[in-house]
Amino acid sequence: MAESTTAVGRLVQVVAQLREHCLWTAALTHESLVEYLIEESHELAEVIEAGPGTGAAELKGELADVLFQVLLHARIQEEAGNFNFEDVAEYLSAKLVRRNRHVFKPDGSLQESFPGSIEEIVASYDAVKQGERPERDSPFDGIPPTLPALTLAAKSIDRARRAGFPVDQQPGSFEAGSRPPASETELGDLLLAVVRQASAAGLDAEQALRGAVRRFQRSVTGA
């Protein structure tokens, strides 16, 4: 444990020294870092999706690159006198304890017993989140609208289902085939075929799906 703490402390120090002595790093801002955060996140996702054969060393390297982005953002805020990386870590620990009351007691100690099903865990987690933000009256609040269309669609459907809405009965002008894809490979082929047909017809599949998601959200919320 001591070795890990020392390594993290040294890492924070290195980032601070880069900000102080490297003109390029010193010029970075939250805004200019966004493109790097997105790029590094995609590279991490690529390694993960490549499977176990990619190697632990490569995964470690990509995780380090994403962590570097977090440390830079925290350092910029520390220089502004707002908070530092330690505060970020403390905030995250408190948030994890607070939201996972099926595992932790309010004081951070472990519960005597734990839920035996994913459904119980999800219900407990969602209840805590709703209690934190009671002003949110839509299951879709907090979903970034700029997410890629497929991710946006998947998150919207999942949120609606978890909120108890009958997502498979929402109205629509088009219904997919009666037999659902039997595997991710088959699903991928189906999605590619849809995009190919859209391209041939001069349609934008990304924008089309975004529009469908907006209609789905409105049908769920009645907005």
C-alpha atoms as a PDB file:
ATOM      1  CA  MET A   1       0.000   0.000   0.000  1.00  0.00           C
ATOM      2  CA  ALA A   2       2.824   2.395   0.855  1.00  0.00           C
ATOM      3  CA  GLU A   3       4.424   1.800  -2.534  1.00  0.00           C
ATOM      4  CA  SER A   4       1.168   2.685  -4.327  1.00  0.00           C
ATOM      5  CA  THR A   5       0.764   5.865  -2.271  1.00  0.00           C
ATOM      6  CA  THR A   6       4.351   6.874  -3.035  1.00  0.00           C
ATOM      7  CA  ALA A   7       3.849   6.245  -6.738  1.00  0.00           C
ATOM      8  CA  VAL A   8       0.698   8.379  -6.829  1.00  0.00           C
ATOM      9  CA  GLY A   9       2.390  11.152  -4.864  1.00  0.00           C
ATOM     10  CA  ARG A  10       5.359  11.133  -7.243  1.00  0.00           C
ATOM     11  CA  LEU A  11       3.001  11.226 -10.232  1.00  0.00           C
ATOM     12  CA  VAL A  12       1.209  14.283  -8.879  1.00  0.00           C
ATOM     13  CA  GLN A  13       4.585  15.929  -8.330  1.00  0.00           C
ATOM     14  CA  VAL A  14       5.752  15.160 -11.881  1.00  0.00           C
ATOM     15  CA  VAL A  15       2.603  16.701 -13.363  1.00  0.00           C
ATOM     16  CA  ALA A  16       3.060  19.815 -11.221  1.00  0.00           C
ATOM     17  CA  GLN A  17       6.691  20.138 -12.364  1.00  0.00           C
ATOM     18  CA  LEU A  18       5.671  19.766 -15.997  1.00  0.00           C
ATOM     19  CA  ARG A  19       3.131  22.541 -15.596  1.00  0.00           C
ATOM     20  CA  GLU A  20       5.813  24.736 -14.026  1.00  0.00           C
ATOM     21  CA  HIS A  21       8.765  24.076 -16.312  1.00  0.00           C
ATOM     22  CA  CYS A  22       7.359  22.863 -19.672  1.00  0.00           C
ATOM     23  CA  LEU A  23       5.962  25.715 -21.761  1.00  0.00           C
ATOM     24  CA  TRP A  24       3.769  23.386 -23.825  1.00  0.00           C
ATOM     25  CA  THR A  25       2.220  21.729 -20.762  1.00  0.00           C
ATOM     26  CA  ALA A  26       1.843  25.057 -18.996  1.00  0.00           C
ATOM     27  CA  ALA A  27      -0.188  26.410 -21.909  1.00  0.00           C
ATOM     28  CA  LEU A  28      -2.770  23.626 -21.674  1.00  0.00           C
ATOM     29  CA  THR A  29      -6.282  24.551 -20.560  1.00  0.00           C
ATOM     30  CA  HIS A  30      -9.419  22.563 -19.802  1.00  0.00           C
ATOM     31  CA  GLU A  31     -10.697  23.480 -23.248  1.00  0.00           C
ATOM     32  CA  SER A  32      -7.543  22.536 -25.150  1.00  0.00           C
ATOM     33  CA  LEU A  33      -7.318  19.227 -23.270  1.00  0.00           C
ATOM     34  CA  VAL A  34     -10.759  18.029 -24.392  1.00  0.00           C
ATOM     35  CA  GLU A  35      -9.504  16.630 -27.702  1.00  0.00           C
ATOM     36  CA  TYR A  36      -6.735  14.696 -25.934  1.00  0.00           C
ATOM     37  CA  LEU A  37      -9.140  13.281 -23.355  1.00  0.00           C
ATOM     38  CA  ILE A  38     -11.432  12.054 -26.123  1.00  0.00           C
ATOM     39  CA  GLU A  39      -8.524  10.634 -28.119  1.00  0.00           C
ATOM     40  CA  GLU A  40      -7.004   8.824 -25.140  1.00  0.00           C
ATOM     41  CA  SER A  41     -10.388   7.436 -24.120  1.00  0.00           C
ATOM     42  CA  HIS A  42     -10.915   6.030 -27.597  1.00  0.00           C
ATOM     43  CA  GLU A  43      -7.442   4.476 -27.584  1.00  0.00           C
ATOM     44  CA  LEU A  44      -8.191   2.822 -24.241  1.00  0.00           C
ATOM     45  CA  ALA A  45     -11.494   1.511 -25.578  1.00  0.00           C
ATOM     46  CA  GLU A  46      -9.700   0.126 -28.637  1.00  0.00           C
ATOM     47  CA  VAL A  47      -7.256  -1.838 -26.488  1.00  0.00           C
ATOM     48  CA  ILE A  48     -10.053  -3.218 -24.327  1.00  0.00           C
ATOM     49  CA  GLU A  49     -12.129  -4.241 -27.334  1.00  0.00           C
ATOM     50  CA  ALA A  50      -9.113  -5.979 -28.867  1.00  0.00           C
ATOM     51  CA  GLY A  51      -9.409  -8.592 -26.130  1.00  0.00           C
ATOM     52  CA  PRO A  52      -6.988 -10.326 -23.747  1.00  0.00           C
ATOM     53  CA  GLY A  53      -4.514 -11.008 -26.524  1.00  0.00           C
ATOM     54  CA  THR A  54      -3.559  -7.328 -26.635  1.00  0.00           C
ATOM     55  CA  GLY A  55      -1.505  -7.617 -23.451  1.00  0.00           C
ATOM     56  CA  ALA A  56      -1.563  -6.154 -19.968  1.00  0.00           C
ATOM     57  CA  ALA A  57       1.331  -3.788 -20.720  1.00  0.00           C
ATOM     58  CA  GLU A  58      -0.571  -2.010 -23.482  1.00  0.00           C
ATOM     59  CA  LEU A  59      -3.683  -1.745 -21.335  1.00  0.00           C
ATOM     60  CA  LYS A  60      -1.600  -0.303 -18.488  1.00  0.00           C
ATOM     61  CA  GLY A  61      -0.153   2.278 -20.853  1.00  0.00           C
ATOM     62  CA  GLU A  62      -3.547   3.415 -22.100  1.00  0.00           C
ATOM     63  CA  LEU A  63      -4.928   3.619 -18.557  1.00  0.00           C
ATOM     64  CA  ALA A  64      -1.922   5.772 -17.654  1.00  0.00           C
ATOM     65  CA  ASP A  65      -2.645   8.118 -20.562  1.00  0.00           C
ATOM     66  CA  VAL A  66      -6.238   8.618 -19.409  1.00  0.00           C
ATOM     67  CA  LEU A  67      -5.077   9.154 -15.812  1.00  0.00           C
ATOM     68  CA  PHE A  68      -2.644  11.809 -17.059  1.00  0.00           C
ATOM     69  CA  GLN A  69      -5.591  13.748 -18.452  1.00  0.00           C
ATOM     70  CA  VAL A  70      -7.392  13.605 -15.096  1.00  0.00           C
ATOM     71  CA  LEU A  71      -4.256  14.767 -13.272  1.00  0.00           C
ATOM     72  CA  LEU A  72      -3.777  17.682 -15.669  1.00  0.00           C
ATOM     73  CA  HIS A  73      -7.344  18.903 -15.182  1.00  0.00           C
ATOM     74  CA  ALA A  74      -6.981  18.607 -11.403  1.00  0.00           C
ATOM     75  CA  ARG A  75      -3.653  20.476 -11.488  1.00  0.00           C
ATOM     76  CA  ILE A  76      -5.150  23.347 -13.476  1.00  0.00           C
ATOM     77  CA  GLN A  77      -7.817  23.700 -10.793  1.00  0.00           C
ATOM     78  CA  GLU A  78      -5.216  23.506  -8.041  1.00  0.00           C
ATOM     79  CA  GLU A  79      -3.306  26.378  -9.656  1.00  0.00           C
ATOM     80  CA  ALA A  80      -6.549  28.364  -9.653  1.00  0.00           C
ATOM     81  CA  GLY A  81      -6.909  27.695  -5.909  1.00  0.00           C
ATOM     82  CA  ASN A  82     -10.033  25.567  -6.249  1.00  0.00           C
ATOM     83  CA  PHE A  83      -9.187  21.900  -5.595  1.00  0.00           C
ATOM     84  CA  ASN A  84      -6.442  19.338  -6.195  1.00  0.00           C
ATOM     85  CA  PHE A  85      -6.173  15.666  -7.146  1.00  0.00           C
ATOM     86  CA  GLU A  86      -6.460  14.635  -3.500  1.00  0.00           C
ATOM     87  CA  ASP A  87      -9.809  16.415  -3.339  1.00  0.00           C
ATOM     88  CA  VAL A  88     -10.956  14.619  -6.494  1.00  0.00           C
ATOM     89  CA  ALA A  89     -10.023  11.255  -4.974  1.00  0.00           C
ATOM     90  CA  GLU A  90     -11.748  12.128  -1.696  1.00  0.00           C
ATOM     91  CA  TYR A  91     -14.881  13.239  -3.556  1.00  0.00           C
ATOM     92  CA  LEU A  92     -14.953  10.006  -5.549  1.00  0.00           C
ATOM     93  CA  SER A  93     -14.549   7.838  -2.448  1.00  0.00           C
ATOM     94  CA  ALA A  94     -17.410   9.622  -0.708  1.00  0.00           C
ATOM     95  CA  LYS A  95     -19.595   9.364  -3.810  1.00  0.00           C
ATOM     96  CA  LEU A  96     -18.969   5.631  -4.189  1.00  0.00           C
ATOM     97  CA  VAL A  97     -19.813   5.011  -0.539  1.00  0.00           C
ATOM     98  CA  ARG A  98     -22.926   7.193  -0.724  1.00  0.00           C
ATOM     99  CA  ARG A  99     -24.313   5.691  -3.918  1.00  0.00           C
ATOM    100  CA  ASN A 100     -23.509   2.077  -3.117  1.00  0.00           C
ATOM    101  CA  ARG A 101     -25.399   1.755   0.128  1.00  0.00           C
ATOM    102  CA  HIS A 102     -26.007  -1.903  -0.713  1.00  0.00           C
ATOM    103  CA  VAL A 103     -22.279  -2.358   0.060  1.00  0.00           C
ATOM    104  CA  PHE A 104     -21.429   0.462   2.476  1.00  0.00           C
ATOM    105  CA  LYS A 105     -22.934   1.976   5.582  1.00  0.00           C
ATOM    106  CA  PRO A 106     -23.012   5.804   5.755  1.00  0.00           C
ATOM    107  CA  ASP A 107     -19.765   5.783   7.757  1.00  0.00           C
ATOM    108  CA  GLY A 108     -17.994   3.832   4.989  1.00  0.00           C
ATOM    109  CA  SER A 109     -17.873   0.500   6.771  1.00  0.00           C
ATOM    110  CA  LEU A 110     -19.245  -2.593   5.062  1.00  0.00           C
ATOM    111  CA  GLN A 111     -22.817  -3.777   5.414  1.00  0.00           C
ATOM    112  CA  GLU A 112     -23.406  -7.059   7.226  1.00  0.00           C
ATOM    113  CA  SER A 113     -24.995  -8.590   4.109  1.00  0.00           C
ATOM    114  CA  PHE A 114     -25.183  -7.787   0.418  1.00  0.00           C
ATOM    115  CA  PRO A 115     -27.894  -8.057  -2.264  1.00  0.00           C
ATOM    116  CA  GLY A 116     -28.104 -11.358  -4.095  1.00  0.00           C
ATOM    117  CA  SER A 117     -29.242  -9.987  -7.451  1.00  0.00           C
ATOM    118  CA  ILE A 118     -28.249  -7.288  -9.928  1.00  0.00           C
ATOM    119  CA  GLU A 119     -31.840  -6.008  -9.941  1.00  0.00           C
ATOM    120  CA  GLU A 120     -31.649  -5.178  -6.226  1.00  0.00           C
ATOM    121  CA  ILE A 121     -28.343  -3.390  -6.708  1.00  0.00           C
ATOM    122  CA  VAL A 122     -29.627  -1.307  -9.623  1.00  0.00           C
ATOM    123  CA  ALA A 123     -32.789  -0.356  -7.711  1.00  0.00           C
ATOM    124  CA  SER A 124     -30.758   0.740  -4.680  1.00  0.00           C
ATOM    125  CA  TYR A 125     -28.268   2.701  -6.789  1.00  0.00           C
ATOM    126  CA  ASP A 126     -30.970   4.469  -8.791  1.00  0.00           C
ATOM    127  CA  ALA A 127     -32.861   5.401  -5.619  1.00  0.00           C
ATOM    128  CA  VAL A 128     -29.778   7.073  -4.169  1.00  0.00           C
ATOM    129  CA  LYS A 129     -29.096   8.976  -7.406  1.00  0.00           C
ATOM    130  CA  GLN A 130     -32.684  10.204  -7.528  1.00  0.00           C
ATOM    131  CA  GLY A 131     -32.432  11.347  -3.926  1.00  0.00           C
ATOM    132  CA  GLU A 132     -29.316  13.366  -4.756  1.00  0.00           C
ATOM    133  CA  ARG A 133     -31.023  15.219  -7.610  1.00  0.00           C
ATOM    134  CA  PRO A 134     -34.758  15.358  -6.804  1.00  0.00           C
ATOM    135  CA  GLU A 135     -35.211  18.173  -9.330  1.00  0.00           C
ATOM    136  CA  ARG A 136     -34.568  15.723 -12.144  1.00  0.00           C
ATOM    137  CA  ASP A 137     -37.974  14.520 -13.294  1.00  0.00           C
ATOM    138  CA  SER A 138     -36.888  12.761 -16.481  1.00  0.00           C
ATOM    139  CA  PRO A 139     -35.035   9.440 -16.667  1.00  0.00           C
ATOM    140  CA  PHE A 140     -32.914  10.968 -19.432  1.00  0.00           C
ATOM    141  CA  ASP A 141     -31.539  13.877 -17.388  1.00  0.00           C
ATOM    142  CA  GLY A 142     -27.765  13.760 -17.262  1.00  0.00           C
ATOM    143  CA  ILE A 143     -27.280  11.826 -20.501  1.00  0.00           C
ATOM    144  CA  PRO A 144     -24.906  13.922 -22.670  1.00  0.00           C
ATOM    145  CA  PRO A 145     -26.790  14.659 -25.919  1.00  0.00           C
ATOM    146  CA  THR A 146     -23.492  14.709 -27.830  1.00  0.00           C
ATOM    147  CA  LEU A 147     -22.844  11.001 -27.280  1.00  0.00           C
ATOM    148  CA  PRO A 148     -22.527   8.892 -30.436  1.00  0.00           C
ATOM    149  CA  ALA A 149     -26.019   8.014 -31.637  1.00  0.00           C
ATOM    150  CA  LEU A 150     -25.806   4.294 -30.847  1.00  0.00           C
ATOM    151  CA  THR A 151     -24.546   4.962 -27.317  1.00  0.00           C
ATOM    152  CA  LEU A 152     -27.196   7.644 -26.848  1.00  0.00           C
ATOM    153  CA  ALA A 153     -29.899   5.219 -27.976  1.00  0.00           C
ATOM    154  CA  ALA A 154     -28.669   2.402 -25.734  1.00  0.00           C
ATOM    155  CA  LYS A 155     -28.427   4.650 -22.655  1.00  0.00           C
ATOM    156  CA  SER A 156     -31.849   6.165 -23.296  1.00  0.00           C
ATOM    157  CA  ILE A 157     -33.500   2.758 -23.592  1.00  0.00           C
ATOM    158  CA  ASP A 158     -31.698   1.481 -20.491  1.00  0.00           C
ATOM    159  CA  ARG A 159     -32.691   4.553 -18.442  1.00  0.00           C
ATOM    160  CA  ALA A 160     -36.316   4.245 -19.532  1.00  0.00           C
ATOM    161  CA  ARG A 161     -36.427   0.531 -18.743  1.00  0.00           C
ATOM    162  CA  ARG A 162     -34.873   1.070 -15.301  1.00  0.00           C
ATOM    163  CA  ALA A 163     -37.434   3.793 -14.601  1.00  0.00           C
ATOM    164  CA  GLY A 164     -40.214   1.284 -15.285  1.00  0.00           C
ATOM    165  CA  PHE A 165     -41.367   2.470 -18.703  1.00  0.00           C
ATOM    166  CA  PRO A 166     -42.496  -0.221 -21.192  1.00  0.00           C
ATOM    167  CA  VAL A 167     -39.782   0.546 -23.727  1.00  0.00           C
ATOM    168  CA  ASP A 168     -40.792  -2.277 -26.078  1.00  0.00           C
ATOM    169  CA  GLN A 169     -44.249  -0.787 -26.471  1.00  0.00           C
ATOM    170  CA  GLN A 170     -43.261   2.749 -27.444  1.00  0.00           C
ATOM    171  CA  PRO A 171     -44.938   3.960 -30.647  1.00  0.00           C
ATOM    172  CA  GLY A 172     -42.918   4.237 -33.832  1.00  0.00           C
ATOM    173  CA  SER A 173     -43.379   4.365 -37.572  1.00  0.00           C
ATOM    174  CA  PHE A 174     -41.011   1.469 -38.188  1.00  0.00           C
ATOM    175  CA  GLU A 175     -40.456  -1.860 -36.472  1.00  0.00           C
ATOM    176  CA  ALA A 176     -37.353  -4.012 -36.830  1.00  0.00           C
ATOM    177  CA  GLY A 177     -37.525  -7.614 -38.028  1.00  0.00           C
ATOM    178  CA  SER A 178     -39.507 -10.080 -35.975  1.00  0.00           C
ATOM    179  CA  ARG A 179     -36.431 -12.179 -35.117  1.00  0.00           C
ATOM    180  CA  PRO A 180     -33.847 -10.335 -33.002  1.00  0.00           C
ATOM    181  CA  PRO A 181     -30.141 -10.834 -33.792  1.00  0.00           C
ATOM    182  CA  ALA A 182     -28.754 -13.952 -32.126  1.00  0.00           C
ATOM    183  CA  SER A 183     -25.219 -12.616 -31.580  1.00  0.00           C
ATOM    184  CA  GLU A 184     -23.140  -9.452 -31.633  1.00  0.00           C
ATOM    185  CA  THR A 185     -21.751 -10.542 -34.995  1.00  0.00           C
ATOM    186  CA  GLU A 186     -25.233 -10.826 -36.446  1.00  0.00           C
ATOM    187  CA  LEU A 187     -26.241  -7.529 -34.857  1.00  0.00           C
ATOM    188  CA  GLY A 188     -23.158  -5.848 -36.297  1.00  0.00           C
ATOM    189  CA  ASP A 189     -23.964  -7.144 -39.776  1.00  0.00           C
ATOM    190  CA  LEU A 190     -27.533  -5.877 -39.415  1.00  0.00           C
ATOM    191  CA  LEU A 191     -26.399  -2.414 -38.316  1.00  0.00           C
ATOM    192  CA  LEU A 192     -23.869  -2.244 -41.144  1.00  0.00           C
ATOM    193  CA  ALA A 193     -26.575  -3.215 -43.618  1.00  0.00           C
ATOM    194  CA  VAL A 194     -28.815  -0.416 -42.302  1.00  0.00           C
ATOM    195  CA  VAL A 195     -25.987   2.126 -42.653  1.00  0.00           C
ATOM    196  CA  ARG A 196     -25.222   0.848 -46.152  1.00  0.00           C
ATOM    197  CA  GLN A 197     -28.871   1.238 -47.172  1.00  0.00           C
ATOM    198  CA  ALA A 198     -28.985   4.716 -45.630  1.00  0.00           C
ATOM    199  CA  SER A 199     -25.877   5.748 -47.548  1.00  0.00           C
ATOM    200  CA  ALA A 200     -27.321   4.420 -50.806  1.00  0.00           C
ATOM    201  CA  ALA A 201     -30.468   6.465 -50.192  1.00  0.00           C
ATOM    202  CA  GLY A 202     -28.481   9.600 -49.355  1.00  0.00           C
ATOM    203  CA  LEU A 203     -29.520   9.549 -45.703  1.00  0.00           C
ATOM    204  CA  ASP A 204     -27.378  10.310 -42.620  1.00  0.00           C
ATOM    205  CA  ALA A 205     -27.662   7.268 -40.339  1.00  0.00           C
ATOM    206  CA  GLU A 206     -26.150   9.122 -37.346  1.00  0.00           C
ATOM    207  CA  GLN A 207     -28.603  12.008 -37.547  1.00  0.00           C
ATOM    208  CA  ALA A 208     -31.493   9.672 -38.308  1.00  0.00           C
ATOM    209  CA  LEU A 209     -30.855   7.684 -35.140  1.00  0.00           C
ATOM    210  CA  ARG A 210     -30.478  10.873 -33.090  1.00  0.00           C
ATOM    211  CA  GLY A 211     -33.879  11.978 -34.324  1.00  0.00           C
ATOM    212  CA  ALA A 212     -35.370   8.597 -33.442  1.00  0.00           C
ATOM    213  CA  VAL A 213     -33.885   8.803 -29.928  1.00  0.00           C
ATOM    214  CA  ARG A 214     -35.381  12.275 -29.432  1.00  0.00           C
ATOM    215  CA  ARG A 215     -38.791  10.975 -30.501  1.00  0.00           C
ATOM    216  CA  PHE A 216     -38.389   8.006 -28.156  1.00  0.00           C
ATOM    217  CA  GLN A 217     -37.507  10.266 -25.224  1.00  0.00           C
ATOM    218  CA  ARG A 218     -40.488  12.502 -25.903  1.00  0.00           C
ATOM    219  CA  SER A 219     -42.825   9.522 -26.088  1.00  0.00           C
ATOM    220  CA  VAL A 220     -41.553   8.294 -22.699  1.00  0.00           C
ATOM    221  CA  THR A 221     -41.721  11.653 -20.913  1.00  0.00           C
ATOM    222  CA  GLY A 222     -44.773  12.986 -22.720  1.00  0.00           C
ATOM    223  CA  ALA A 223     -42.855  16.193 -23.481  1.00  0.00           C
END
